[in-house]
Each structure stands twice: as C-alpha cells, then as structure tokens.
Amino acid sequence: MKIHDILSIFTKLAPEENQSSWDNCGVQIAGTVSETYRVGVALEPTPETLSKCYEWGAGAVITHHPLYMKPKAPNAEGMYLEVLRQTIEAGAWLYSAHTSLDTRPGGPAFWLGDKLGLQFRKILEIETGYTPIEASFYTEDPISREAADIWANHDGIHSVSQSRTGEVRLVCEEADWNDVANKIEFSLGKRPLFYIRSLTAPRREVGFGEVGTLAAPLNWNDFMTKLDGLIQRDALLISGPQPETVSTVAYCGGSGSSLIDKAARAGADVFITGDMKYHPAVETPICVIDVGHFSLEEEMMRLFAEELDGELDDVDVRFFTGTDPFRVHVSK
C-alpha cells in the first residue's frame, strides 16, 4: 500500500487539526520507502520497540508519544539519535498520534468510559469547538442522483439539497471542504463559483477526558473491584476523600492532574488518571485514583491497532507491547 494512503488513514483516525498547540503530532521522520504492507503500532518510540518493528519489516510505525516536542539537533548520543539512526537505516516512516488521538470523539482514548459503561458522557476539558460551513453554488441542470450520493457520502458532509432555481446547498465540516469541492468539480466537469458562510450549529467539540455516570451506583469496594479488573497494574495510588458510594466518574488518560478541579465541578465522586503529583494530591477536593500513565495509554494503543487494522486493506498491522517504566517494590 502506498505510504501516502497509509498516512491519510492515520490523519483520518487522529485528525492533526485537533492537536494541542504545544504538541507535535504527524510525521516525525520521513522515510524513503514509497509503499509497505506492514505497519507497527506502539505507545512509545523507544529504540527497543522500534527495533522490533523494523526487524518485523514495518515500513511505517505509528506511536502515541512524539519522538520530540521541539526540533533538536542530532548531536548527542541517546535515545533520540539512536531512533533516528534506526529509522533512517530502515527507510521507514515514523508518525505520532498524540493529542490528535487523545481528543478524537469516541476514539480509543475513551476506552475506560466504554468499559465502565458510563452514561450521559461529556468532555471534561474542551480543547476546540468546530461548526460546519454552508457552501452553495448554481447549476442550470439538476444534479444527478449518482453525483448527489457521492457528495453526500463524503466524510464531513451533513446534507445536500437543490432548489428549483438550481441552487445547490451543502452543509459540510470545514476541514473536509477542499476534498468535497474537488469532487464537485470532477462531477460537473468545471469548478463552479462557491458561496461559503460559517454556521453557528451544530457545534462539534473535541477535548480531553470524560465525565459520566455509572448505570447503577456502586459501593467503594465494588467499584474498586471493577476498576482492578480493567487496569493492568500491581498497585494504584489513591488520594483525597474516599466516597462511600461511587455514581459519577471522571477520567483522563495519561497525565490529567490539572483536570481535578474540572472533575470536581462536574460532580465526579472519583477522578481516574495517571501521573498524580504530591501537591495536587494534598489539595484535591475529590477522590483521585492514579492508575498510571502507562496502563491507560498502552490499552488505548492496543485498541487503536485493532481499529487501524480494520481500515488498512491488505496491510498487516501489529501492536508492539511496551514496558511500564515504573516497577513496584513491596517492603517486607
């Protein structure tokens, strides 16, 4: 499969326009291979993981965490330089889907809400809000059913209609408009004069974390038993007041301690995240369960590999498991 087709699927499943301003999603290292039939998926772009990917024959690897946040010179020994050497030698492409994947509505970053069966789910921290555009143009001839179906079935299209005067109106996500306009031009054999205006609704929001309610309240011990069955970790860290009953749950994959106050304002009984620090733990107004950065995002990328496998025809997709950098020592 052509590399540019694979990259287009990456950006479809993890839209780069949704990434945070500080982030570095997208191509990390541009390879030399023009096509591949093996794609590796992993959480972390470490030399150990990428070595396994390239030994397997992956021509493209997508990881969650970027290789770097800001451009840096390859002038010192270390993980960064070693990854550069490995990837360039393999001729492979290295891609990152970081906050672009974290914020995708209904994406694998929200797997914990799915497994807990949360209802009435809402985004915990809205990163960006999008509203569609309305595009209109005039044509003397009625549009054919075939052409209308092609346009209507394109990603991002909400509706297609034509008036008796010949005016065609489409409601479309702004990010998809250029592709839609090209399809219209191809169908008509010429590019019409488009009139574009922004709409105020429907509004599509993307962001981090979720809050929702359990199907039925659980006492503390039953809730923790359920959570233990979902999180693959030897120990969980708990801070803040422990509720007797858990009904409303908030969570954020990776590092989410900055969202504690938002979770509290949303009425959460518990907030589940990773990378909890000392002072936020001291000051938290609600119960926070630190299940570890790795455990939440490793499962996210495993699920993402399954999704990617369904999107890439005639391409083998393999998830390469990582290693939690933290080990638990139990004192005797």
Protein backbone atom coordinates (compact mmCIF):
# COMPACT_ATOMS: atom_id res chain seq x y z
CA MET A 1 0.00 0.00 0.00
CA LYS A 2 1.28 3.46 -0.85
CA ILE A 3 2.72 5.37 2.10
CA HIS A 4 0.66 8.48 1.36
CA ASP A 5 -2.51 6.35 1.53
CA ILE A 6 -1.42 4.96 4.90
CA LEU A 7 -0.67 8.45 6.20
CA SER A 8 -4.11 9.61 5.08
CA ILE A 9 -5.68 6.87 7.23
CA PHE A 10 -3.53 7.96 10.18
CA THR A 11 -4.79 11.51 9.87
CA LYS A 12 -8.36 10.32 9.39
CA LEU A 13 -8.30 8.37 12.67
CA ALA A 14 -6.28 11.00 14.53
CA PRO A 15 -7.04 14.39 12.91
CA GLU A 16 -3.98 16.60 13.20
CA GLU A 17 -6.12 19.75 13.40
CA ASN A 18 -7.33 18.55 16.83
CA GLN A 19 -3.89 18.50 18.42
CA SER A 20 -2.91 20.94 21.16
CA SER A 21 -0.86 23.99 20.20
CA TRP A 22 2.16 22.75 22.18
CA ASP A 23 2.13 19.28 20.61
CA ASN A 24 3.98 17.65 17.70
CA CYS A 25 1.65 15.20 16.00
CA GLY A 26 2.23 13.93 12.49
CA VAL A 27 5.32 12.70 10.64
CA GLN A 28 8.33 12.56 12.95
CA ILE A 29 10.76 11.06 10.44
CA ALA A 30 10.05 10.91 6.70
CA GLY A 31 11.18 7.59 5.27
CA THR A 32 12.37 6.59 1.84
CA VAL A 33 10.07 3.61 1.19
CA SER A 34 7.14 4.53 -1.05
CA GLU A 35 4.93 1.63 -0.02
CA THR A 36 4.67 -1.01 2.67
CA TYR A 37 2.43 -3.87 3.71
CA ARG A 38 3.38 -3.85 7.39
CA VAL A 39 2.53 -1.15 9.92
CA GLY A 40 3.68 -1.19 13.54
CA VAL A 41 1.76 0.43 16.40
CA ALA A 42 3.23 1.23 19.81
CA LEU A 43 2.88 3.61 22.73
CA GLU A 44 6.46 4.83 22.92
CA PRO A 45 9.07 5.39 20.17
CA THR A 46 11.92 3.77 22.10
CA PRO A 47 14.90 2.15 20.38
CA GLU A 48 13.89 -1.25 21.80
CA THR A 49 10.34 -1.05 20.46
CA LEU A 50 11.28 0.35 17.06
CA SER A 51 13.98 -2.27 16.65
CA LYS A 52 11.26 -4.95 16.95
CA CYS A 53 9.07 -3.09 14.46
CA TYR A 54 11.82 -2.82 11.85
CA GLU A 55 13.01 -6.40 12.35
CA TRP A 56 9.42 -7.47 11.63
CA GLY A 57 9.58 -5.42 8.41
CA ALA A 58 7.39 -2.43 9.24
CA GLY A 59 7.71 0.33 6.65
CA ALA A 60 5.63 2.68 8.81
CA VAL A 61 5.28 2.92 12.59
CA ILE A 62 2.73 4.99 14.45
CA THR A 63 3.28 5.74 18.13
CA HIS A 64 1.29 7.75 20.60
CA HIS A 65 4.09 9.81 22.07
CA PRO A 66 6.12 12.01 19.71
CA LEU A 67 9.83 11.49 19.21
CA TYR A 68 10.34 15.15 20.12
CA MET A 69 8.23 18.19 21.01
CA LYS A 70 10.59 20.78 19.54
CA PRO A 71 13.15 20.33 16.75
CA LYS A 72 16.51 19.28 18.14
CA ALA A 73 19.94 18.66 16.69
CA PRO A 74 21.08 15.02 16.47
CA ASN A 75 24.42 15.88 18.06
CA ALA A 76 24.48 13.77 21.23
CA GLU A 77 24.28 10.07 21.96
CA GLY A 78 20.98 8.97 23.46
CA MET A 79 17.52 7.64 22.64
CA TYR A 80 16.73 10.39 20.13
CA LEU A 81 19.83 9.86 18.00
CA GLU A 82 19.53 6.07 18.20
CA VAL A 83 15.93 6.21 16.94
CA LEU A 84 16.99 8.47 14.07
CA ARG A 85 19.71 6.03 13.06
CA GLN A 86 17.42 3.00 13.24
CA THR A 87 14.59 4.60 11.31
CA ILE A 88 16.72 6.13 8.58
CA GLU A 89 18.58 2.84 8.10
CA ALA A 90 15.26 1.01 7.75
CA GLY A 91 13.93 3.66 5.34
CA ALA A 92 10.75 3.64 7.41
CA TRP A 93 8.26 6.37 8.30
CA LEU A 94 7.69 7.30 11.94
CA TYR A 95 4.42 9.02 12.82
CA SER A 96 2.92 10.29 16.09
CA ALA A 97 -0.76 10.44 17.03
CA HIS A 98 -0.61 12.15 20.41
CA THR A 99 -3.23 14.74 21.42
CA SER A 100 -4.74 14.28 17.95
CA LEU A 101 -5.79 10.81 19.15
CA ASP A 102 -6.46 11.82 22.78
CA THR A 103 -9.16 14.25 21.68
CA ARG A 104 -10.93 12.30 18.93
CA PRO A 105 -14.58 11.94 19.96
CA GLY A 106 -15.47 8.32 20.54
CA GLY A 107 -11.86 7.28 19.92
CA PRO A 108 -9.78 4.70 21.81
CA ALA A 109 -8.65 7.30 24.36
CA PHE A 110 -12.14 6.93 25.86
CA TRP A 111 -11.96 3.17 26.31
CA LEU A 112 -12.27 3.34 30.10
CA GLY A 113 -15.63 5.08 29.85
CA ASP A 114 -16.77 2.31 27.50
CA LYS A 115 -15.61 -0.46 29.85
CA LEU A 116 -17.18 1.21 32.91
CA GLY A 117 -20.42 1.62 30.98
CA LEU A 118 -20.63 5.33 31.70
CA GLN A 119 -23.82 7.09 30.64
CA PHE A 120 -24.55 10.74 29.81
CA ARG A 121 -20.90 11.26 28.98
CA LYS A 122 -19.44 14.74 28.49
CA ILE A 123 -15.97 16.04 27.63
CA LEU A 124 -14.11 17.09 30.74
CA GLU A 125 -11.94 19.78 29.12
CA ILE A 126 -12.95 21.17 25.72
CA GLU A 127 -9.90 21.90 23.59
CA THR A 128 -11.59 23.10 20.40
CA GLY A 129 -15.10 23.61 19.07
CA TYR A 130 -15.96 23.34 15.39
CA THR A 131 -19.04 24.42 13.46
CA PRO A 132 -19.70 23.42 9.83
CA ILE A 133 -19.91 25.67 6.79
CA GLU A 134 -22.67 26.01 4.24
CA ALA A 135 -21.50 26.03 0.63
CA SER A 136 -23.83 26.92 -2.22
CA PHE A 137 -23.50 27.21 -5.98
CA TYR A 138 -25.75 27.36 -9.03
CA THR A 139 -26.06 24.91 -11.88
CA GLU A 140 -28.51 25.04 -14.78
CA ASP A 141 -29.01 21.28 -14.83
CA PRO A 142 -30.38 19.20 -11.96
CA ILE A 143 -27.67 17.25 -10.16
CA SER A 144 -27.90 13.52 -10.78
CA ARG A 145 -28.76 11.08 -8.03
CA GLU A 146 -25.36 9.43 -8.52
CA ALA A 147 -23.47 12.71 -8.07
CA ALA A 148 -25.56 13.72 -5.05
CA ASP A 149 -24.90 10.34 -3.39
CA ILE A 150 -21.16 10.65 -3.98
CA TRP A 151 -21.10 14.08 -2.38
CA ALA A 152 -23.42 13.11 0.49
CA ASN A 153 -21.35 10.03 1.36
CA HIS A 154 -18.13 12.00 1.67
CA ASP A 155 -16.66 12.40 5.15
CA GLY A 156 -17.85 15.58 6.85
CA ILE A 157 -21.00 16.12 4.77
CA HIS A 158 -24.18 16.78 6.77
CA SER A 159 -26.65 17.42 3.94
CA VAL A 160 -27.00 18.04 0.20
CA SER A 161 -30.03 19.70 -1.42
CA GLN A 162 -31.00 21.51 -4.62
CA SER A 163 -33.76 24.10 -5.08
CA ARG A 164 -35.97 24.53 -8.12
CA THR A 165 -33.90 27.55 -9.12
CA GLY A 166 -30.83 25.34 -9.47
CA GLU A 167 -29.11 26.39 -6.25
CA VAL A 168 -27.23 23.52 -4.60
CA ARG A 169 -26.56 23.74 -0.85
CA LEU A 170 -24.19 21.57 1.13
CA VAL A 171 -23.55 21.62 4.86
CA CYS A 172 -20.04 20.36 5.43
CA GLU A 173 -17.28 20.24 8.03
CA GLU A 174 -14.78 22.94 7.15
CA ALA A 175 -11.81 20.55 7.34
CA ASP A 176 -13.36 18.36 4.62
CA TRP A 177 -14.45 21.15 2.28
CA ASN A 178 -11.48 21.16 -0.11
CA ASP A 179 -11.91 17.45 -0.85
CA VAL A 180 -15.66 17.90 -1.33
CA ALA A 181 -15.14 20.88 -3.65
CA ASN A 182 -12.75 18.82 -5.78
CA LYS A 183 -15.33 16.03 -6.08
CA ILE A 184 -17.97 18.55 -7.16
CA GLU A 185 -15.63 19.98 -9.78
CA PHE A 186 -14.87 16.49 -11.08
CA SER A 187 -18.58 15.59 -11.27
CA LEU A 188 -19.56 18.80 -13.09
CA GLY A 189 -16.52 18.99 -15.34
CA LYS A 190 -15.84 22.54 -14.16
CA ARG A 191 -15.40 24.41 -10.92
CA PRO A 192 -18.50 26.46 -10.06
CA LEU A 193 -18.46 29.72 -8.12
CA PHE A 194 -18.92 28.73 -4.48
CA TYR A 195 -20.56 30.93 -1.86
CA ILE A 196 -19.37 29.99 1.63
CA ARG A 197 -20.68 31.00 5.04
CA SER A 198 -19.96 29.75 8.55
CA LEU A 199 -22.77 28.30 10.62
CA THR A 200 -23.27 28.51 14.39
CA ALA A 201 -24.62 24.98 14.76
CA PRO A 202 -24.32 22.06 15.02
CA ARG A 203 -21.19 22.53 17.12
CA ARG A 204 -18.69 19.68 17.33
CA GLU A 205 -16.40 19.74 20.34
CA VAL A 206 -13.17 17.87 20.96
CA GLY A 207 -11.17 17.69 24.16
CA PHE A 208 -9.62 15.67 26.94
CA GLY A 209 -11.18 13.26 29.38
CA GLU A 210 -14.77 12.48 30.16
CA VAL A 211 -17.27 12.51 32.98
CA GLY A 212 -20.33 10.28 33.15
CA THR A 213 -22.49 8.23 35.47
CA LEU A 214 -22.46 4.51 36.17
CA ALA A 215 -25.53 2.52 35.19
CA ALA A 216 -26.09 2.00 38.93
CA PRO A 217 -24.18 3.35 41.95
CA LEU A 218 -21.54 1.06 43.45
CA ASN A 219 -20.16 1.00 46.96
CA TRP A 220 -16.47 1.80 47.18
CA ASN A 221 -15.20 -1.77 47.41
CA ASP A 222 -17.32 -2.97 44.48
CA PHE A 223 -16.18 -0.05 42.37
CA MET A 224 -12.53 -0.74 43.11
CA THR A 225 -13.01 -4.43 42.28
CA LYS A 226 -14.46 -3.41 38.91
CA LEU A 227 -11.62 -0.97 38.27
CA ASP A 228 -8.97 -3.53 39.27
CA GLY A 229 -10.36 -5.84 36.60
CA LEU A 230 -9.81 -3.20 33.94
CA ILE A 231 -6.41 -1.80 34.92
CA GLN A 232 -3.36 -3.99 34.48
CA ARG A 233 -1.21 -2.68 37.31
CA ASP A 234 0.03 -4.10 40.59
CA ALA A 235 -0.73 -1.01 42.66
CA LEU A 236 -3.00 2.05 42.41
CA LEU A 237 -2.42 5.31 44.28
CA ILE A 238 -5.43 6.93 45.95
CA SER A 239 -5.63 10.46 47.33
CA GLY A 240 -8.39 12.73 48.57
CA PRO A 241 -11.62 11.89 50.39
CA GLN A 242 -12.83 8.35 49.78
CA PRO A 243 -16.55 8.22 48.90
CA GLU A 244 -18.81 5.55 50.35
CA THR A 245 -20.67 5.25 47.06
CA VAL A 246 -19.47 5.92 43.51
CA SER A 247 -22.00 7.15 40.96
CA THR A 248 -20.31 9.80 38.81
CA VAL A 249 -16.86 9.04 37.38
CA ALA A 250 -14.39 11.30 35.58
CA TYR A 251 -11.19 10.14 33.94
CA CYS A 252 -8.39 11.31 31.68
CA GLY A 253 -5.76 9.16 30.02
CA GLY A 254 -2.09 9.91 30.55
CA SER A 255 -1.33 12.85 32.80
CA GLY A 256 -4.51 14.57 33.97
CA SER A 257 -3.92 16.04 37.41
CA SER A 258 -4.60 19.55 36.03
CA LEU A 259 -8.22 18.49 35.45
CA ILE A 260 -9.06 17.66 39.07
CA ASP A 261 -10.99 20.89 39.67
CA LYS A 262 -12.96 20.39 36.45
CA ALA A 263 -13.83 16.88 37.56
CA ALA A 264 -14.96 18.20 40.95
CA ARG A 265 -17.12 20.91 39.36
CA ALA A 266 -18.68 18.24 37.12
CA GLY A 267 -19.82 16.40 40.25
CA ALA A 268 -17.44 13.44 39.99
CA ASP A 269 -17.15 11.15 43.01
CA VAL A 270 -13.81 9.88 41.71
CA PHE A 271 -11.30 11.01 39.11
CA ILE A 272 -9.10 8.40 37.43
CA THR A 273 -5.87 9.44 35.75
CA GLY A 274 -2.10 8.98 35.76
CA ASP A 275 0.98 10.91 36.95
CA MET A 276 -0.56 12.32 40.13
CA LYS A 277 1.84 14.66 41.95
CA TYR A 278 2.24 15.44 45.64
CA HIS A 279 0.73 18.92 45.97
CA PRO A 280 -2.35 18.23 43.82
CA ALA A 281 -2.84 15.08 45.92
CA VAL A 282 -2.72 17.12 49.12
CA GLU A 283 -5.19 19.71 47.83
CA THR A 284 -7.65 17.59 45.83
CA PRO A 285 -11.30 18.14 46.83
CA ILE A 286 -12.38 14.74 45.46
CA CYS A 287 -11.01 11.23 45.40
CA VAL A 288 -8.31 10.73 42.77
CA ILE A 289 -7.11 7.31 41.66
CA ASP A 290 -3.73 7.27 39.93
CA VAL A 291 -3.72 4.12 37.81
CA GLY A 292 -0.56 5.04 35.95
CA HIS A 293 0.13 6.81 32.68
CA PHE A 294 1.25 3.59 31.02
CA SER A 295 -1.74 1.40 31.86
CA LEU A 296 -4.30 3.80 30.38
CA GLU A 297 -2.43 4.58 27.19
CA GLU A 298 -1.00 1.14 26.47
CA GLU A 299 -4.54 -0.22 26.27
CA MET A 300 -5.57 2.77 24.16
CA MET A 301 -2.90 1.99 21.56
CA ARG A 302 -3.76 -1.72 21.55
CA LEU A 303 -7.35 -0.80 20.68
CA PHE A 304 -6.12 1.73 18.14
CA ALA A 305 -4.10 -1.01 16.41
CA GLU A 306 -7.28 -3.07 16.09
CA GLU A 307 -9.11 -0.09 14.60
CA LEU A 308 -6.25 0.64 12.20
CA ASP A 309 -6.17 -2.99 11.11
CA GLY A 310 -9.79 -2.66 10.02
CA GLU A 311 -9.03 0.46 7.98
CA LEU A 312 -5.90 -0.68 6.14
CA ASP A 313 -6.77 -3.19 3.44
CA ASP A 314 -4.13 -5.79 2.54
CA VAL A 315 -1.78 -4.42 5.21
CA ASP A 316 -0.62 -6.31 8.30
CA VAL A 317 -0.94 -4.21 11.46
CA ARG A 318 0.84 -5.37 14.61
CA PHE A 319 0.72 -3.89 18.08
CA PHE A 320 4.09 -3.97 19.87
CA THR A 321 3.67 -4.03 23.63
CA GLY A 322 5.68 -1.66 25.76
CA THR A 323 7.04 -1.82 29.28
CA ASP A 324 5.82 0.28 32.18
CA PRO A 325 8.87 2.33 33.23
CA PHE A 326 7.73 2.11 36.88
CA ARG A 327 8.24 -1.02 38.95
CA VAL A 328 6.59 -1.71 42.30
CA HIS A 329 8.72 -2.73 45.29
CA VAL A 330 6.86 -4.06 48.30
CA SER A 331 8.79 -3.61 51.54
CA LYS A 332 8.85 -6.58 53.88
